[in-house]
Structures are given as C-alpha cells and as structure tokens.
Amino acid sequence: MLSVLIPVYRYDVRDLVRELHRQCLRLQPQITFELRLLDDGSGESFCKINSEVSELEHVVWEESPVNLGRSKVRNTLSERAKYDWLWFLDCDGDAVINPKLATTFWNARKE
C-alpha cells in the first residue's frame, strides 16, 4: 500500500532507513510497505555502507553505476514502486526528527 521512495546521492542513509523502517513496522498490520532506495552513482564507498540496509525486511536497495540525475532517479523509483501510495523523501534524513513521521504521513493521506 505504501512505497517510501528515497533517491540517494553521496549520503549515509542508514540511520534514516532504520528509523523509517521502525516507524513503518509500527503501522502494521494497517499497511503493507516498502522502503525503496536508488543510489545515483555515488561511488563504491557510499554504496558499500548504504547497502547494509538491504538486510532489513521490506527494504529494496539498488545502485546505478552512473549518475542519472534527480528527475530520472525519482521517475525510476516511481516506476519500480510496488504500491499505489508514493512517499518521496530526500536522503539527508532531516525529516526524521519527528518519531511519528510515518504515522503523520499515513494519516494525512485521508485528508
């Protein structure tokens, strides 16, 4: 039902993904979700550390060997999304200050 889509470029997203994953798990069984990330050619060092998140259930980590650009990455993520509700987040993680961010987003979709 919910695809959280995160374009990644030269940023450590592990804390962001773990926190979002925890929040989305708390929303179950109300929702089925995926966290889908696409790295936009950040290079081996970033991909190596960030690929750790693929070990989490419901997380899909993909890497582009070349930089596609912001629009192409977002379009690719939306094309590959499993679910109808799409939630785009920037990879910098500043949005996850609120421990109820996922709940707030999910409830706001009804308005």
PDB file of N, CA and C in Angstrom:
ATOM      1  N   MET A   1       0.786  -1.197   0.000  1.00  0.00           N
ATOM      2  CA  MET A   1       0.000   0.000   0.000  1.00  0.00           C
ATOM      3  C   MET A   1       0.836   1.273   0.000  1.00  0.00           C
ATOM      4  N   LEU A   2       2.032   1.244   0.646  1.00  0.00           N
ATOM      5  CA  LEU A   2       2.870   2.439   0.745  1.00  0.00           C
ATOM      6  C   LEU A   2       4.286   2.136   0.270  1.00  0.00           C
ATOM      7  N   SER A   3       4.734   2.905  -0.706  1.00  0.00           N
ATOM      8  CA  SER A   3       6.124   2.836  -1.156  1.00  0.00           C
ATOM      9  C   SER A   3       6.826   4.121  -0.733  1.00  0.00           C
ATOM     10  N   VAL A   4       7.806   3.975   0.137  1.00  0.00           N
ATOM     11  CA  VAL A   4       8.633   5.104   0.553  1.00  0.00           C
ATOM     12  C   VAL A   4       9.834   5.110  -0.384  1.00  0.00           C
ATOM     13  N   LEU A   5       9.988   6.174  -1.148  1.00  0.00           N
ATOM     14  CA  LEU A   5      10.983   6.234  -2.218  1.00  0.00           C
ATOM     15  C   LEU A   5      12.049   7.268  -1.871  1.00  0.00           C
ATOM     16  N   ILE A   6      13.303   6.802  -1.862  1.00  0.00           N
ATOM     17  CA  ILE A   6      14.399   7.669  -1.420  1.00  0.00           C
ATOM     18  C   ILE A   6      15.530   7.653  -2.451  1.00  0.00           C
ATOM     19  N   PRO A   7      15.679   8.739  -3.210  1.00  0.00           N
ATOM     20  CA  PRO A   7      16.849   8.856  -4.074  1.00  0.00           C
ATOM     21  C   PRO A   7      18.076   9.135  -3.197  1.00  0.00           C
ATOM     22  N   VAL A   8      19.177   8.481  -3.501  1.00  0.00           N
ATOM     23  CA  VAL A   8      20.375   8.609  -2.663  1.00  0.00           C
ATOM     24  C   VAL A   8      21.539   9.096  -3.517  1.00  0.00           C
ATOM     25  N   TYR A   9      22.248  10.087  -3.000  1.00  0.00           N
ATOM     26  CA  TYR A   9      23.464  10.547  -3.675  1.00  0.00           C
ATOM     27  C   TYR A   9      24.446  11.045  -2.624  1.00  0.00           C
ATOM     28  N   ARG A  10      25.527  10.301  -2.487  1.00  0.00           N
ATOM     29  CA  ARG A  10      26.643  10.672  -1.603  1.00  0.00           C
ATOM     30  C   ARG A  10      26.208  11.068  -0.195  1.00  0.00           C
ATOM     31  N   TYR A  11      25.436  10.180   0.402  1.00  0.00           N
ATOM     32  CA  TYR A  11      24.962  10.427   1.767  1.00  0.00           C
ATOM     33  C   TYR A  11      24.774   9.090   2.470  1.00  0.00           C
ATOM     34  N   ASP A  12      25.107   9.045   3.742  1.00  0.00           N
ATOM     35  CA  ASP A  12      24.906   7.848   4.555  1.00  0.00           C
ATOM     36  C   ASP A  12      23.445   7.822   5.007  1.00  0.00           C
ATOM     37  N   VAL A  13      22.677   6.884   4.484  1.00  0.00           N
ATOM     38  CA  VAL A  13      21.230   6.834   4.753  1.00  0.00           C
ATOM     39  C   VAL A  13      20.848   5.775   5.781  1.00  0.00           C
ATOM     40  N   ARG A  14      21.808   5.129   6.382  1.00  0.00           N
ATOM     41  CA  ARG A  14      21.495   4.014   7.270  1.00  0.00           C
ATOM     42  C   ARG A  14      20.596   4.401   8.436  1.00  0.00           C
ATOM     43  N   ASP A  15      20.886   5.484   9.122  1.00  0.00           N
ATOM     44  CA  ASP A  15      20.053   5.899  10.256  1.00  0.00           C
ATOM     45  C   ASP A  15      18.645   6.268   9.795  1.00  0.00           C
ATOM     46  N   LEU A  16      18.561   6.998   8.702  1.00  0.00           N
ATOM     47  CA  LEU A  16      17.262   7.376   8.152  1.00  0.00           C
ATOM     48  C   LEU A  16      16.417   6.143   7.840  1.00  0.00           C
ATOM     49  N   VAL A  17      16.993   5.180   7.152  1.00  0.00           N
ATOM     50  CA  VAL A  17      16.241   3.992   6.749  1.00  0.00           C
ATOM     51  C   VAL A  17      15.846   3.153   7.959  1.00  0.00           C
ATOM     52  N   ARG A  18      16.745   3.003   8.901  1.00  0.00           N
ATOM     53  CA  ARG A  18      16.407   2.220  10.106  1.00  0.00           C
ATOM     54  C   ARG A  18      15.251   2.860  10.881  1.00  0.00           C
ATOM     55  N   GLU A  19      15.278   4.177  11.005  1.00  0.00           N
ATOM     56  CA  GLU A  19      14.214   4.861  11.727  1.00  0.00           C
ATOM     57  C   GLU A  19      12.888   4.777  10.972  1.00  0.00           C
ATOM     58  N   LEU A  20      12.910   5.008   9.687  1.00  0.00           N
ATOM     59  CA  LEU A  20      11.678   4.885   8.895  1.00  0.00           C
ATOM     60  C   LEU A  20      11.147   3.460   8.917  1.00  0.00           C
ATOM     61  N   HIS A  21      12.030   2.507   8.846  1.00  0.00           N
ATOM     62  CA  HIS A  21      11.647   1.095   8.901  1.00  0.00           C
ATOM     63  C   HIS A  21      10.944   0.797  10.222  1.00  0.00           C
ATOM     64  N   ARG A  22      11.523   1.264  11.313  1.00  0.00           N
ATOM     65  CA  ARG A  22      10.928   1.060  12.638  1.00  0.00           C
ATOM     66  C   ARG A  22       9.540   1.689  12.703  1.00  0.00           C
ATOM     67  N   GLN A  23       9.409   2.905  12.204  1.00  0.00           N
ATOM     68  CA  GLN A  23       8.120   3.589  12.230  1.00  0.00           C
ATOM     69  C   GLN A  23       7.083   2.879  11.360  1.00  0.00           C
ATOM     70  N   CYS A  24       7.480   2.425  10.201  1.00  0.00           N
ATOM     71  CA  CYS A  24       6.533   1.732   9.306  1.00  0.00           C
ATOM     72  C   CYS A  24       6.123   0.380   9.879  1.00  0.00           C
ATOM     73  N   LEU A  25       7.037  -0.297  10.541  1.00  0.00           N
ATOM     74  CA  LEU A  25       6.675  -1.570  11.173  1.00  0.00           C
ATOM     75  C   LEU A  25       5.593  -1.367  12.228  1.00  0.00           C
ATOM     76  N   ARG A  26       5.660  -0.240  12.923  1.00  0.00           N
ATOM     77  CA  ARG A  26       4.635   0.055  13.936  1.00  0.00           C
ATOM     78  C   ARG A  26       3.260   0.278  13.312  1.00  0.00           C
ATOM     79  N   LEU A  27       3.213   0.631  12.052  1.00  0.00           N
ATOM     80  CA  LEU A  27       1.935   0.845  11.369  1.00  0.00           C
ATOM     81  C   LEU A  27       1.291  -0.463  10.897  1.00  0.00           C
ATOM     82  N   GLN A  28       2.043  -1.539  10.934  1.00  0.00           N
ATOM     83  CA  GLN A  28       1.462  -2.826  10.541  1.00  0.00           C
ATOM     84  C   GLN A  28       0.524  -3.303  11.631  1.00  0.00           C
ATOM     85  N   PRO A  29      -0.547  -3.983  11.380  1.00  0.00           N
ATOM     86  CA  PRO A  29      -0.963  -4.513  10.080  1.00  0.00           C
ATOM     87  C   PRO A  29      -1.820  -3.553   9.262  1.00  0.00           C
ATOM     88  N   GLN A  30      -1.925  -2.285   9.679  1.00  0.00           N
ATOM     89  CA  GLN A  30      -2.720  -1.323   8.911  1.00  0.00           C
ATOM     90  C   GLN A  30      -2.214  -1.167   7.488  1.00  0.00           C
ATOM     91  N   ILE A  31      -0.900  -1.226   7.316  1.00  0.00           N
ATOM     92  CA  ILE A  31      -0.337  -1.019   5.988  1.00  0.00           C
ATOM     93  C   ILE A  31       0.678  -2.106   5.647  1.00  0.00           C
ATOM     94  N   THR A  32       0.840  -2.286   4.369  1.00  0.00           N
ATOM     95  CA  THR A  32       1.959  -3.032   3.812  1.00  0.00           C
ATOM     96  C   THR A  32       2.863  -1.969   3.208  1.00  0.00           C
ATOM     97  N   PHE A  33       4.163  -2.107   3.359  1.00  0.00           N
ATOM     98  CA  PHE A  33       5.057  -1.044   2.897  1.00  0.00           C
ATOM     99  C   PHE A  33       6.333  -1.612   2.313  1.00  0.00           C
ATOM    100  N   GLU A  34       6.998  -0.747   1.585  1.00  0.00           N
ATOM    101  CA  GLU A  34       8.362  -0.996   1.141  1.00  0.00           C
ATOM    102  C   GLU A  34       9.130   0.306   1.275  1.00  0.00           C
ATOM    103  N   LEU A  35      10.401   0.190   1.568  1.00  0.00           N
ATOM    104  CA  LEU A  35      11.330   1.313   1.509  1.00  0.00           C
ATOM    105  C   LEU A  35      12.229   1.016   0.318  1.00  0.00           C
ATOM    106  N   ARG A  36      12.146   1.831  -0.707  1.00  0.00           N
ATOM    107  CA  ARG A  36      12.886   1.581  -1.944  1.00  0.00           C
ATOM    108  C   ARG A  36      13.878   2.723  -2.144  1.00  0.00           C
ATOM    109  N   LEU A  37      15.153   2.359  -2.255  1.00  0.00           N
ATOM    110  CA  LEU A  37      16.215   3.347  -2.416  1.00  0.00           C
ATOM    111  C   LEU A  37      16.965   3.083  -3.706  1.00  0.00           C
ATOM    112  N   LEU A  38      17.338   4.158  -4.383  1.00  0.00           N
ATOM    113  CA  LEU A  38      18.150   4.040  -5.591  1.00  0.00           C
ATOM    114  C   LEU A  38      19.316   5.007  -5.468  1.00  0.00           C
ATOM    115  N   ASP A  39      20.528   4.453  -5.423  1.00  0.00           N
ATOM    116  CA  ASP A  39      21.728   5.273  -5.359  1.00  0.00           C
ATOM    117  C   ASP A  39      22.054   5.769  -6.764  1.00  0.00           C
ATOM    118  N   ASP A  40      22.311   7.052  -6.871  1.00  0.00           N
ATOM    119  CA  ASP A  40      22.522   7.700  -8.166  1.00  0.00           C
ATOM    120  C   ASP A  40      24.007   7.883  -8.479  1.00  0.00           C
ATOM    121  N   GLY A  41      24.742   6.781  -8.477  1.00  0.00           N
ATOM    122  CA  GLY A  41      26.147   6.825  -8.864  1.00  0.00           C
ATOM    123  C   GLY A  41      27.062   7.479  -7.848  1.00  0.00           C
ATOM    124  N   SER A  42      26.810   7.242  -6.567  1.00  0.00           N
ATOM    125  CA  SER A  42      27.617   7.860  -5.507  1.00  0.00           C
ATOM    126  C   SER A  42      29.036   7.325  -5.436  1.00  0.00           C
ATOM    127  N   GLY A  43      29.252   6.136  -5.920  1.00  0.00           N
ATOM    128  CA  GLY A  43      30.577   5.534  -5.827  1.00  0.00           C
ATOM    129  C   GLY A  43      30.605   4.406  -4.819  1.00  0.00           C
ATOM    130  N   GLU A  44      31.652   3.638  -4.899  1.00  0.00           N
ATOM    131  CA  GLU A  44      31.768   2.404  -4.120  1.00  0.00           C
ATOM    132  C   GLU A  44      31.714   2.613  -2.609  1.00  0.00           C
ATOM    133  N   SER A  45      32.356   3.655  -2.099  1.00  0.00           N
ATOM    134  CA  SER A  45      32.406   3.826  -0.641  1.00  0.00           C
ATOM    135  C   SER A  45      31.021   4.055  -0.049  1.00  0.00           C
ATOM    136  N   PHE A  46      30.211   4.899  -0.683  1.00  0.00           N
ATOM    137  CA  PHE A  46      28.858   5.133  -0.178  1.00  0.00           C
ATOM    138  C   PHE A  46      27.979   3.902  -0.379  1.00  0.00           C
ATOM    139  N   CYS A  47      28.094   3.264  -1.514  1.00  0.00           N
ATOM    140  CA  CYS A  47      27.259   2.088  -1.787  1.00  0.00           C
ATOM    141  C   CYS A  47      27.566   0.952  -0.816  1.00  0.00           C
ATOM    142  N   LYS A  48      28.820   0.808  -0.472  1.00  0.00           N
ATOM    143  CA  LYS A  48      29.203  -0.262   0.442  1.00  0.00           C
ATOM    144  C   LYS A  48      28.529  -0.097   1.804  1.00  0.00           C
ATOM    145  N   ILE A  49      28.571   1.097   2.367  1.00  0.00           N
ATOM    146  CA  ILE A  49      27.969   1.286   3.686  1.00  0.00           C
ATOM    147  C   ILE A  49      26.442   1.296   3.616  1.00  0.00           C
ATOM    148  N   ASN A  50      25.890   1.926   2.595  1.00  0.00           N
ATOM    149  CA  ASN A  50      24.438   2.034   2.498  1.00  0.00           C
ATOM    150  C   ASN A  50      23.755   0.723   2.143  1.00  0.00           C
ATOM    151  N   SER A  51      24.444  -0.148   1.464  1.00  0.00           N
ATOM    152  CA  SER A  51      23.817  -1.423   1.066  1.00  0.00           C
ATOM    153  C   SER A  51      23.469  -2.288   2.275  1.00  0.00           C
ATOM    154  N   GLU A  52      23.986  -1.938   3.448  1.00  0.00           N
ATOM    155  CA  GLU A  52      23.638  -2.666   4.676  1.00  0.00           C
ATOM    156  C   GLU A  52      22.134  -2.662   4.929  1.00  0.00           C
ATOM    157  N   VAL A  53      21.447  -1.616   4.494  1.00  0.00           N
ATOM    158  CA  VAL A  53      20.015  -1.503   4.767  1.00  0.00           C
ATOM    159  C   VAL A  53      19.199  -2.560   4.037  1.00  0.00           C
ATOM    160  N   SER A  54      19.771  -3.159   3.016  1.00  0.00           N
ATOM    161  CA  SER A  54      19.045  -4.186   2.256  1.00  0.00           C
ATOM    162  C   SER A  54      18.779  -5.432   3.094  1.00  0.00           C
ATOM    163  N   GLU A  55      19.445  -5.545   4.233  1.00  0.00           N
ATOM    164  CA  GLU A  55      19.216  -6.677   5.129  1.00  0.00           C
ATOM    165  C   GLU A  55      17.900  -6.552   5.883  1.00  0.00           C
ATOM    166  N   LEU A  56      17.331  -5.356   5.911  1.00  0.00           N
ATOM    167  CA  LEU A  56      16.057  -5.135   6.594  1.00  0.00           C
ATOM    168  C   LEU A  56      14.904  -5.630   5.717  1.00  0.00           C
ATOM    169  N   GLU A  57      13.926  -6.245   6.360  1.00  0.00           N
ATOM    170  CA  GLU A  57      12.741  -6.702   5.646  1.00  0.00           C
ATOM    171  C   GLU A  57      12.011  -5.493   5.063  1.00  0.00           C
ATOM    172  N   HIS A  58      11.494  -5.628   3.872  1.00  0.00           N
ATOM    173  CA  HIS A  58      10.728  -4.587   3.168  1.00  0.00           C
ATOM    174  C   HIS A  58      11.604  -3.480   2.591  1.00  0.00           C
ATOM    175  N   VAL A  59      12.919  -3.655   2.596  1.00  0.00           N
ATOM    176  CA  VAL A  59      13.820  -2.629   2.059  1.00  0.00           C
ATOM    177  C   VAL A  59      14.439  -3.143   0.762  1.00  0.00           C
ATOM    178  N   VAL A  60      14.363  -2.304  -0.272  1.00  0.00           N
ATOM    179  CA  VAL A  60      14.973  -2.618  -1.563  1.00  0.00           C
ATOM    180  C   VAL A  60      16.054  -1.578  -1.820  1.00  0.00           C
ATOM    181  N   TRP A  61      17.290  -2.040  -1.965  1.00  0.00           N
ATOM    182  CA  TRP A  61      18.428  -1.165  -2.249  1.00  0.00           C
ATOM    183  C   TRP A  61      18.906  -1.460  -3.658  1.00  0.00           C
ATOM    184  N   GLU A  62      19.004  -0.411  -4.487  1.00  0.00           N
ATOM    185  CA  GLU A  62      19.519  -0.560  -5.849  1.00  0.00           C
ATOM    186  C   GLU A  62      20.563   0.515  -6.100  1.00  0.00           C
ATOM    187  N   GLU A  63      21.473   0.226  -7.023  1.00  0.00           N
ATOM    188  CA  GLU A  63      22.551   1.159  -7.336  1.00  0.00           C
ATOM    189  C   GLU A  63      22.614   1.401  -8.833  1.00  0.00           C
ATOM    190  N   SER A  64      22.773   2.646  -9.206  1.00  0.00           N
ATOM    191  CA  SER A  64      23.049   2.989 -10.596  1.00  0.00           C
ATOM    192  C   SER A  64      24.557   3.207 -10.717  1.00  0.00           C
ATOM    193  N   PRO A  65      25.190   2.595 -11.715  1.00  0.00           N
ATOM    194  CA  PRO A  65      26.632   2.776 -11.858  1.00  0.00           C
ATOM    195  C   PRO A  65      27.018   4.178 -12.333  1.00  0.00           C
ATOM    196  N   VAL A  66      26.048   4.901 -12.882  1.00  0.00           N
ATOM    197  CA  VAL A  66      26.308   6.255 -13.360  1.00  0.00           C
ATOM    198  C   VAL A  66      25.291   7.204 -12.742  1.00  0.00           C
ATOM    199  N   ASN A  67      25.635   8.486 -12.732  1.00  0.00           N
ATOM    200  CA  ASN A  67      24.727   9.498 -12.202  1.00  0.00           C
ATOM    201  C   ASN A  67      23.647   9.783 -13.238  1.00  0.00           C
ATOM    202  N   LEU A  68      22.405   9.508 -12.878  1.00  0.00           N
ATOM    203  CA  LEU A  68      21.271   9.699 -13.775  1.00  0.00           C
ATOM    204  C   LEU A  68      20.644  11.081 -13.636  1.00  0.00           C
ATOM    205  N   GLY A  69      20.803  11.678 -12.479  1.00  0.00           N
ATOM    206  CA  GLY A  69      20.173  12.971 -12.209  1.00  0.00           C
ATOM    207  C   GLY A  69      18.910  12.788 -11.387  1.00  0.00           C
ATOM    208  N   ARG A  70      18.549  13.829 -10.664  1.00  0.00           N
ATOM    209  CA  ARG A  70      17.442  13.783  -9.709  1.00  0.00           C
ATOM    210  C   ARG A  70      16.118  13.345 -10.339  1.00  0.00           C
ATOM    211  N   SER A  71      15.738  13.934 -11.455  1.00  0.00           N
ATOM    212  CA  SER A  71      14.441  13.605 -12.071  1.00  0.00           C
ATOM    213  C   SER A  71      14.380  12.163 -12.539  1.00  0.00           C
ATOM    214  N   LYS A  72      15.422  11.697 -13.200  1.00  0.00           N
ATOM    215  CA  LYS A  72      15.444  10.322 -13.708  1.00  0.00           C
ATOM    216  C   LYS A  72      15.385   9.310 -12.564  1.00  0.00           C
ATOM    217  N   VAL A  73      16.098   9.582 -11.476  1.00  0.00           N
ATOM    218  CA  VAL A  73      16.083   8.675 -10.329  1.00  0.00           C
ATOM    219  C   VAL A  73      14.686   8.625  -9.716  1.00  0.00           C
ATOM    220  N   ARG A  74      14.054   9.769  -9.555  1.00  0.00           N
ATOM    221  CA  ARG A  74      12.697   9.796  -8.988  1.00  0.00           C
ATOM    222  C   ARG A  74      11.708   9.078  -9.909  1.00  0.00           C
ATOM    223  N   ASN A  75      11.810   9.314 -11.192  1.00  0.00           N
ATOM    224  CA  ASN A  75      10.927   8.615 -12.136  1.00  0.00           C
ATOM    225  C   ASN A  75      11.157   7.108 -12.095  1.00  0.00           C
ATOM    226  N   THR A  76      12.404   6.697 -12.017  1.00  0.00           N
ATOM    227  CA  THR A  76      12.726   5.270 -11.953  1.00  0.00           C
ATOM    228  C   THR A  76      12.157   4.654 -10.679  1.00  0.00           C
ATOM    229  N   LEU A  77      12.319   5.337  -9.564  1.00  0.00           N
ATOM    230  CA  LEU A  77      11.761   4.831  -8.311  1.00  0.00           C
ATOM    231  C   LEU A  77      10.246   4.689  -8.391  1.00  0.00           C
ATOM    232  N   SER A  78       9.575   5.680  -8.951  1.00  0.00           N
ATOM    233  CA  SER A  78       8.110   5.596  -9.038  1.00  0.00           C
ATOM    234  C   SER A  78       7.670   4.479  -9.975  1.00  0.00           C
ATOM    235  N   GLU A  79       8.416   4.228 -11.036  1.00  0.00           N
ATOM    236  CA  GLU A  79       8.087   3.127 -11.954  1.00  0.00           C
ATOM    237  C   GLU A  79       8.266   1.765 -11.293  1.00  0.00           C
ATOM    238  N   ARG A  80       9.232   1.652 -10.406  1.00  0.00           N
ATOM    239  CA  ARG A  80       9.534   0.369  -9.759  1.00  0.00           C
ATOM    240  C   ARG A  80       8.756   0.141  -8.460  1.00  0.00           C
ATOM    241  N   ALA A  81       8.057   1.162  -8.000  1.00  0.00           N
ATOM    242  CA  ALA A  81       7.314   1.067  -6.739  1.00  0.00           C
ATOM    243  C   ALA A  81       6.256  -0.034  -6.824  1.00  0.00           C
ATOM    244  N   LYS A  82       6.100  -0.769  -5.737  1.00  0.00           N
ATOM    245  CA  LYS A  82       5.110  -1.842  -5.663  1.00  0.00           C
ATOM    246  C   LYS A  82       3.705  -1.344  -5.379  1.00  0.00           C
ATOM    247  N   TYR A  83       3.603  -0.249  -4.641  1.00  0.00           N
ATOM    248  CA  TYR A  83       2.317   0.149  -4.088  1.00  0.00           C
ATOM    249  C   TYR A  83       1.836   1.484  -4.658  1.00  0.00           C
ATOM    250  N   ASP A  84       0.554   1.759  -4.446  1.00  0.00           N
ATOM    251  CA  ASP A  84      -0.085   2.933  -5.025  1.00  0.00           C
ATOM    252  C   ASP A  84       0.285   4.242  -4.336  1.00  0.00           C
ATOM    253  N   TRP A  85       0.449   4.197  -3.020  1.00  0.00           N
ATOM    254  CA  TRP A  85       0.799   5.415  -2.294  1.00  0.00           C
ATOM    255  C   TRP A  85       2.307   5.600  -2.349  1.00  0.00           C
ATOM    256  N   LEU A  86       2.750   6.725  -2.947  1.00  0.00           N
ATOM    257  CA  LEU A  86       4.172   7.017  -3.095  1.00  0.00           C
ATOM    258  C   LEU A  86       4.544   8.167  -2.166  1.00  0.00           C
ATOM    259  N   TRP A  87       5.595   7.940  -1.385  1.00  0.00           N
ATOM    260  CA  TRP A  87       6.085   8.954  -0.460  1.00  0.00           C
ATOM    261  C   TRP A  87       7.565   9.170  -0.762  1.00  0.00           C
ATOM    262  N   PHE A  88       7.901  10.303  -1.356  1.00  0.00           N
ATOM    263  CA  PHE A  88       9.289  10.633  -1.667  1.00  0.00           C
ATOM    264  C   PHE A  88       9.918  11.370  -0.493  1.00  0.00           C
ATOM    265  N   LEU A  89      11.116  10.935  -0.130  1.00  0.00           N
ATOM    266  CA  LEU A  89      11.890  11.607   0.916  1.00  0.00           C
ATOM    267  C   LEU A  89      13.292  11.877   0.400  1.00  0.00           C
ATOM    268  N   ASP A  90      13.842  13.016   0.781  1.00  0.00           N
ATOM    269  CA  ASP A  90      15.241  13.287   0.469  1.00  0.00           C
ATOM    270  C   ASP A  90      16.115  12.421   1.366  1.00  0.00           C
ATOM    271  N   CYS A  91      17.303  12.134   0.903  1.00  0.00           N
ATOM    272  CA  CYS A  91      18.171  11.205   1.634  1.00  0.00           C
ATOM    273  C   CYS A  91      18.887  11.840   2.815  1.00  0.00           C
ATOM    274  N   ASP A  92      18.809  13.150   2.983  1.00  0.00           N
ATOM    275  CA  ASP A  92      19.610  13.784   4.033  1.00  0.00           C
ATOM    276  C   ASP A  92      19.117  13.494   5.438  1.00  0.00           C
ATOM    277  N   GLY A  93      17.918  12.935   5.571  1.00  0.00           N
ATOM    278  CA  GLY A  93      17.465  12.460   6.871  1.00  0.00           C
ATOM    279  C   GLY A  93      16.935  13.510   7.814  1.00  0.00           C
ATOM    280  N   ASP A  94      16.954  14.763   7.423  1.00  0.00           N
ATOM    281  CA  ASP A  94      16.482  15.809   8.321  1.00  0.00           C
ATOM    282  C   ASP A  94      15.003  15.658   8.669  1.00  0.00           C
ATOM    283  N   ALA A  95      14.247  14.982   7.823  1.00  0.00           N
ATOM    284  CA  ALA A  95      12.805  14.847   8.038  1.00  0.00           C
ATOM    285  C   ALA A  95      12.473  13.938   9.217  1.00  0.00           C
ATOM    286  N   VAL A  96      13.384  13.071   9.605  1.00  0.00           N
ATOM    287  CA  VAL A  96      13.059  12.083  10.633  1.00  0.00           C
ATOM    288  C   VAL A  96      13.441  12.581  12.021  1.00  0.00           C
ATOM    289  N   ILE A  97      13.086  13.790  12.300  1.00  0.00           N
ATOM    290  CA  ILE A  97      13.212  14.307  13.656  1.00  0.00           C
ATOM    291  C   ILE A  97      11.984  13.869  14.442  1.00  0.00           C
ATOM    292  N   ASN A  98      10.852  13.878  13.789  1.00  0.00           N
ATOM    293  CA  ASN A  98       9.583  13.508  14.402  1.00  0.00           C
ATOM    294  C   ASN A  98       9.476  11.982  14.480  1.00  0.00           C
ATOM    295  N   PRO A  99       9.373  11.408  15.681  1.00  0.00           N
ATOM    296  CA  PRO A  99       9.282   9.955  15.809  1.00  0.00           C
ATOM    297  C   PRO A  99       7.947   9.387  15.316  1.00  0.00           C
ATOM    298  N   LYS A 100       7.032  10.269  14.940  1.00  0.00           N
ATOM    299  CA  LYS A 100       5.752   9.819  14.403  1.00  0.00           C
ATOM    300  C   LYS A 100       5.565  10.272  12.956  1.00  0.00           C
ATOM    301  N   LEU A 101       6.669  10.478  12.245  1.00  0.00           N
ATOM    302  CA  LEU A 101       6.602  10.984  10.876  1.00  0.00           C
ATOM    303  C   LEU A 101       5.800  10.061   9.966  1.00  0.00           C
ATOM    304  N   ALA A 102       6.047   8.768  10.028  1.00  0.00           N
ATOM    305  CA  ALA A 102       5.333   7.820   9.166  1.00  0.00           C
ATOM    306  C   ALA A 102       3.845   7.799   9.494  1.00  0.00           C
ATOM    307  N   THR A 103       3.516   7.828  10.762  1.00  0.00           N
ATOM    308  CA  THR A 103       2.107   7.838  11.184  1.00  0.00           C
ATOM    309  C   THR A 103       1.430   9.118  10.704  1.00  0.00           C
ATOM    310  N   THR A 104       2.104  10.243  10.852  1.00  0.00           N
ATOM    311  CA  THR A 104       1.550  11.520  10.413  1.00  0.00           C
ATOM    312  C   THR A 104       1.300  11.506   8.908  1.00  0.00           C
ATOM    313  N   PHE A 105       2.267  11.014   8.143  1.00  0.00           N
ATOM    314  CA  PHE A 105       2.102  10.933   6.690  1.00  0.00           C
ATOM    315  C   PHE A 105       0.933  10.019   6.337  1.00  0.00           C
ATOM    316  N   TRP A 106       0.895   8.849   6.935  1.00  0.00           N
ATOM    317  CA  TRP A 106      -0.140   7.873   6.593  1.00  0.00           C
ATOM    318  C   TRP A 106      -1.534   8.404   6.926  1.00  0.00           C
ATOM    319  N   ASN A 107      -1.683   9.044   8.047  1.00  0.00           N
ATOM    320  CA  ASN A 107      -2.989   9.597   8.422  1.00  0.00           C
ATOM    321  C   ASN A 107      -3.375  10.787   7.561  1.00  0.00           C
ATOM    322  N   ALA A 108      -2.419  11.573   7.102  1.00  0.00           N
ATOM    323  CA  ALA A 108      -2.706  12.761   6.292  1.00  0.00           C
ATOM    324  C   ALA A 108      -3.222  12.401   4.900  1.00  0.00           C
ATOM    325  N   ARG A 109      -2.974  11.221   4.417  1.00  0.00           N
ATOM    326  CA  ARG A 109      -3.405  10.847   3.079  1.00  0.00           C
ATOM    327  C   ARG A 109      -4.918  10.840   2.951  1.00  0.00           C
ATOM    328  N   LYS A 110      -5.626  10.741   4.036  1.00  0.00           N
ATOM    329  CA  LYS A 110      -7.088  10.688   4.024  1.00  0.00           C
ATOM    330  C   LYS A 110      -7.698  12.070   3.851  1.00  0.00           C
ATOM    331  N   GLU A 111      -6.923  13.109   4.145  1.00  0.00           N
ATOM    332  CA  GLU A 111      -7.476  14.470   4.139  1.00  0.00           C
ATOM    333  C   GLU A 111      -7.494  15.052   2.757  1.00  0.00           C
TER     334      GLU A 111
END
